[in-house]
């Protein structure tokens, strides 16, 4: 089964049902990125280790029946204009080549709140 061709809803259903782990889903996307990135140059920065840590944490929550939302455990990619404390944000500009934000940024906090929203229904 090629996980990288599934929709978010399909991946979420596979994960929530235990048919695929967040780590398996994440590794599938990492492998896809690694296979194609040289040709398409879509990512300025990758945070694969962080993605793996987050996937493992989501797998633990899934086993404990404590998932936070329908998208908990789903890997995401952020455009390089979204400030995150976890990675540099360059907006693909040489002026910001090594820019790291030193405080928590509202954009990432909003994403985390969405991923952790326990009031979401499991409907798409």
C-alpha atoms as a PDB file:
ATOM      1  CA  UNK A   1       0.000   0.000   0.000  1.00  0.00           C
ATOM      2  CA  UNK A   2       1.443   3.368  -1.022  1.00  0.00           C
ATOM      3  CA  UNK A   3       0.661   5.643   1.902  1.00  0.00           C
ATOM      4  CA  UNK A   4       1.851   8.753   0.077  1.00  0.00           C
ATOM      5  CA  UNK A   5      -1.043   8.594  -2.374  1.00  0.00           C
ATOM      6  CA  UNK A   6      -3.723   8.486   0.338  1.00  0.00           C
ATOM      7  CA  UNK A   7      -5.790  11.501   1.360  1.00  0.00           C
ATOM      8  CA  UNK A   8      -5.476  12.971   4.837  1.00  0.00           C
ATOM      9  CA  UNK A   9      -8.848  11.447   5.732  1.00  0.00           C
ATOM     10  CA  UNK A  10      -7.722   8.009   4.540  1.00  0.00           C
ATOM     11  CA  UNK A  11      -4.427   8.244   6.427  1.00  0.00           C
ATOM     12  CA  UNK A  12      -6.189   9.379   9.577  1.00  0.00           C
ATOM     13  CA  UNK A  13      -8.620   6.476   9.351  1.00  0.00           C
ATOM     14  CA  UNK A  14      -5.766   3.992   8.836  1.00  0.00           C
ATOM     15  CA  UNK A  15      -3.927   5.425  11.827  1.00  0.00           C
ATOM     16  CA  UNK A  16      -6.909   5.639  14.148  1.00  0.00           C
ATOM     17  CA  UNK A  17      -7.937   2.073  13.309  1.00  0.00           C
ATOM     18  CA  UNK A  18      -4.413   0.789  13.976  1.00  0.00           C
ATOM     19  CA  UNK A  19      -3.886  -0.385  10.389  1.00  0.00           C
ATOM     20  CA  UNK A  20      -0.906   1.967   9.992  1.00  0.00           C
ATOM     21  CA  UNK A  21       1.220   3.679  12.598  1.00  0.00           C
ATOM     22  CA  UNK A  22       2.112   7.345  12.517  1.00  0.00           C
ATOM     23  CA  UNK A  23       5.747   6.277  12.258  1.00  0.00           C
ATOM     24  CA  UNK A  24       4.972   4.150   9.160  1.00  0.00           C
ATOM     25  CA  UNK A  25       3.083   7.017   7.555  1.00  0.00           C
ATOM     26  CA  UNK A  26       5.832   9.499   8.416  1.00  0.00           C
ATOM     27  CA  UNK A  27       8.600   7.195   7.139  1.00  0.00           C
ATOM     28  CA  UNK A  28       6.705   6.730   3.853  1.00  0.00           C
ATOM     29  CA  UNK A  29       6.611  10.485   3.305  1.00  0.00           C
ATOM     30  CA  UNK A  30      10.246  10.911   4.369  1.00  0.00           C
ATOM     31  CA  UNK A  31      11.293   8.226   1.866  1.00  0.00           C
ATOM     32  CA  UNK A  32       9.237   9.934  -0.843  1.00  0.00           C
ATOM     33  CA  UNK A  33      10.841  13.295  -0.086  1.00  0.00           C
ATOM     34  CA  UNK A  34      14.340  11.789  -0.061  1.00  0.00           C
ATOM     35  CA  UNK A  35      13.713  10.043  -3.388  1.00  0.00           C
ATOM     36  CA  UNK A  36      12.398  13.137  -5.171  1.00  0.00           C
ATOM     37  CA  UNK A  37      13.888  16.162  -3.415  1.00  0.00           C
ATOM     38  CA  UNK A  38      17.074  16.326  -5.492  1.00  0.00           C
ATOM     39  CA  UNK A  39      15.008  16.705  -8.658  1.00  0.00           C
ATOM     40  CA  UNK A  40      12.236  18.988  -7.440  1.00  0.00           C
ATOM     41  CA  UNK A  41      13.962  21.036  -4.701  1.00  0.00           C
ATOM     42  CA  UNK A  42      10.722  21.593  -2.775  1.00  0.00           C
ATOM     43  CA  UNK A  43      12.154  21.888   0.748  1.00  0.00           C
ATOM     44  CA  UNK A  44      14.517  24.477   2.170  1.00  0.00           C
ATOM     45  CA  UNK A  45      14.767  22.666   5.500  1.00  0.00           C
ATOM     46  CA  UNK A  46      13.656  19.219   6.556  1.00  0.00           C
ATOM     47  CA  UNK A  47      13.130  18.161  10.160  1.00  0.00           C
ATOM     48  CA  UNK A  48      12.935  14.399   9.791  1.00  0.00           C
ATOM     49  CA  UNK A  49      14.177  13.643  13.315  1.00  0.00           C
ATOM     50  CA  UNK A  50      11.506  15.920  14.795  1.00  0.00           C
ATOM     51  CA  UNK A  51       8.880  14.302  12.555  1.00  0.00           C
ATOM     52  CA  UNK A  52       9.923  10.866  13.813  1.00  0.00           C
ATOM     53  CA  UNK A  53       9.757  12.002  17.448  1.00  0.00           C
ATOM     54  CA  UNK A  54       6.297  13.445  16.896  1.00  0.00           C
ATOM     55  CA  UNK A  55       5.151  10.269  15.116  1.00  0.00           C
ATOM     56  CA  UNK A  56       6.376   8.061  17.960  1.00  0.00           C
ATOM     57  CA  UNK A  57       4.557  10.253  20.499  1.00  0.00           C
ATOM     58  CA  UNK A  58       1.355  10.023  18.436  1.00  0.00           C
ATOM     59  CA  UNK A  59       1.720   6.246  18.230  1.00  0.00           C
ATOM     60  CA  UNK A  60       1.871   6.132  22.030  1.00  0.00           C
ATOM     61  CA  UNK A  61      -1.271   8.245  22.268  1.00  0.00           C
ATOM     62  CA  UNK A  62      -3.023   6.007  19.748  1.00  0.00           C
ATOM     63  CA  UNK A  63      -2.159   2.899  21.806  1.00  0.00           C
ATOM     64  CA  UNK A  64      -3.423   4.637  24.962  1.00  0.00           C
ATOM     65  CA  UNK A  65      -6.609   5.847  23.223  1.00  0.00           C
ATOM     66  CA  UNK A  66      -5.678   9.468  23.926  1.00  0.00           C
ATOM     67  CA  UNK A  67      -5.446  10.915  20.412  1.00  0.00           C
ATOM     68  CA  UNK A  68      -5.932  14.662  20.492  1.00  0.00           C
ATOM     69  CA  UNK A  69      -7.699  15.196  17.171  1.00  0.00           C
ATOM     70  CA  UNK A  70      -8.432  13.534  13.834  1.00  0.00           C
ATOM     71  CA  UNK A  71      -5.116  14.826  12.482  1.00  0.00           C
ATOM     72  CA  UNK A  72      -3.012  13.817  15.486  1.00  0.00           C
ATOM     73  CA  UNK A  73      -0.204  11.666  14.100  1.00  0.00           C
ATOM     74  CA  UNK A  74      -0.393  13.007  10.566  1.00  0.00           C
ATOM     75  CA  UNK A  75       2.860  14.426   9.150  1.00  0.00           C
ATOM     76  CA  UNK A  76       2.709  17.936   7.726  1.00  0.00           C
ATOM     77  CA  UNK A  77       4.971  20.178   5.692  1.00  0.00           C
ATOM     78  CA  UNK A  78       5.118  23.907   6.293  1.00  0.00           C
ATOM     79  CA  UNK A  79       5.943  26.558   3.737  1.00  0.00           C
ATOM     80  CA  UNK A  80       9.218  28.309   4.525  1.00  0.00           C
ATOM     81  CA  UNK A  81       7.411  31.508   5.485  1.00  0.00           C
ATOM     82  CA  UNK A  82       5.820  30.005   8.610  1.00  0.00           C
ATOM     83  CA  UNK A  83       7.991  30.868  11.598  1.00  0.00           C
ATOM     84  CA  UNK A  84       8.804  27.921  13.822  1.00  0.00           C
ATOM     85  CA  UNK A  85      11.201  27.711  16.719  1.00  0.00           C
ATOM     86  CA  UNK A  86      12.149  24.211  15.601  1.00  0.00           C
ATOM     87  CA  UNK A  87      13.643  25.161  12.223  1.00  0.00           C
ATOM     88  CA  UNK A  88      15.084  28.107  10.364  1.00  0.00           C
ATOM     89  CA  UNK A  89      12.669  30.288   8.416  1.00  0.00           C
ATOM     90  CA  UNK A  90      14.244  31.803   5.321  1.00  0.00           C
ATOM     91  CA  UNK A  91      11.332  32.528   2.967  1.00  0.00           C
ATOM     92  CA  UNK A  92      13.852  31.283   0.375  1.00  0.00           C
ATOM     93  CA  UNK A  93      15.717  34.563   0.722  1.00  0.00           C
ATOM     94  CA  UNK A  94      19.477  34.970   1.068  1.00  0.00           C
ATOM     95  CA  UNK A  95      18.806  37.847   3.471  1.00  0.00           C
ATOM     96  CA  UNK A  96      17.198  35.356   5.892  1.00  0.00           C
ATOM     97  CA  UNK A  97      19.546  32.472   5.055  1.00  0.00           C
ATOM     98  CA  UNK A  98      20.262  31.550   8.678  1.00  0.00           C
ATOM     99  CA  UNK A  99      17.247  33.113  10.411  1.00  0.00           C
ATOM    100  CA  UNK A 100      15.988  31.299  13.500  1.00  0.00           C
ATOM    101  CA  UNK A 101      13.160  32.779  15.517  1.00  0.00           C
ATOM    102  CA  UNK A 102      14.036  32.930  19.210  1.00  0.00           C
ATOM    103  CA  UNK A 103      10.510  32.917  20.632  1.00  0.00           C
ATOM    104  CA  UNK A 104       7.416  30.828  20.113  1.00  0.00           C
ATOM    105  CA  UNK A 105       5.636  32.010  17.004  1.00  0.00           C
ATOM    106  CA  UNK A 106       1.893  32.365  16.674  1.00  0.00           C
ATOM    107  CA  UNK A 107       1.798  30.390  13.414  1.00  0.00           C
ATOM    108  CA  UNK A 108       3.278  27.226  14.906  1.00  0.00           C
ATOM    109  CA  UNK A 109       1.274  27.603  18.085  1.00  0.00           C
ATOM    110  CA  UNK A 110      -1.912  27.783  16.005  1.00  0.00           C
ATOM    111  CA  UNK A 111      -0.915  24.627  14.130  1.00  0.00           C
ATOM    112  CA  UNK A 112      -0.204  22.835  17.413  1.00  0.00           C
ATOM    113  CA  UNK A 113      -3.560  23.923  18.838  1.00  0.00           C
ATOM    114  CA  UNK A 114      -5.334  22.607  15.743  1.00  0.00           C
ATOM    115  CA  UNK A 115      -3.526  19.276  15.954  1.00  0.00           C
ATOM    116  CA  UNK A 116      -4.342  19.018  19.667  1.00  0.00           C
ATOM    117  CA  UNK A 117      -7.965  20.129  19.513  1.00  0.00           C
ATOM    118  CA  UNK A 118      -9.889  17.396  21.302  1.00  0.00           C
ATOM    119  CA  UNK A 119     -13.239  18.920  20.436  1.00  0.00           C
ATOM    120  CA  UNK A 120     -12.953  18.081  16.722  1.00  0.00           C
ATOM    121  CA  UNK A 121     -15.325  15.421  15.513  1.00  0.00           C
ATOM    122  CA  UNK A 122     -13.997  12.441  13.591  1.00  0.00           C
ATOM    123  CA  UNK A 123     -15.934  13.496  10.522  1.00  0.00           C
ATOM    124  CA  UNK A 124     -14.604  14.803   7.222  1.00  0.00           C
END
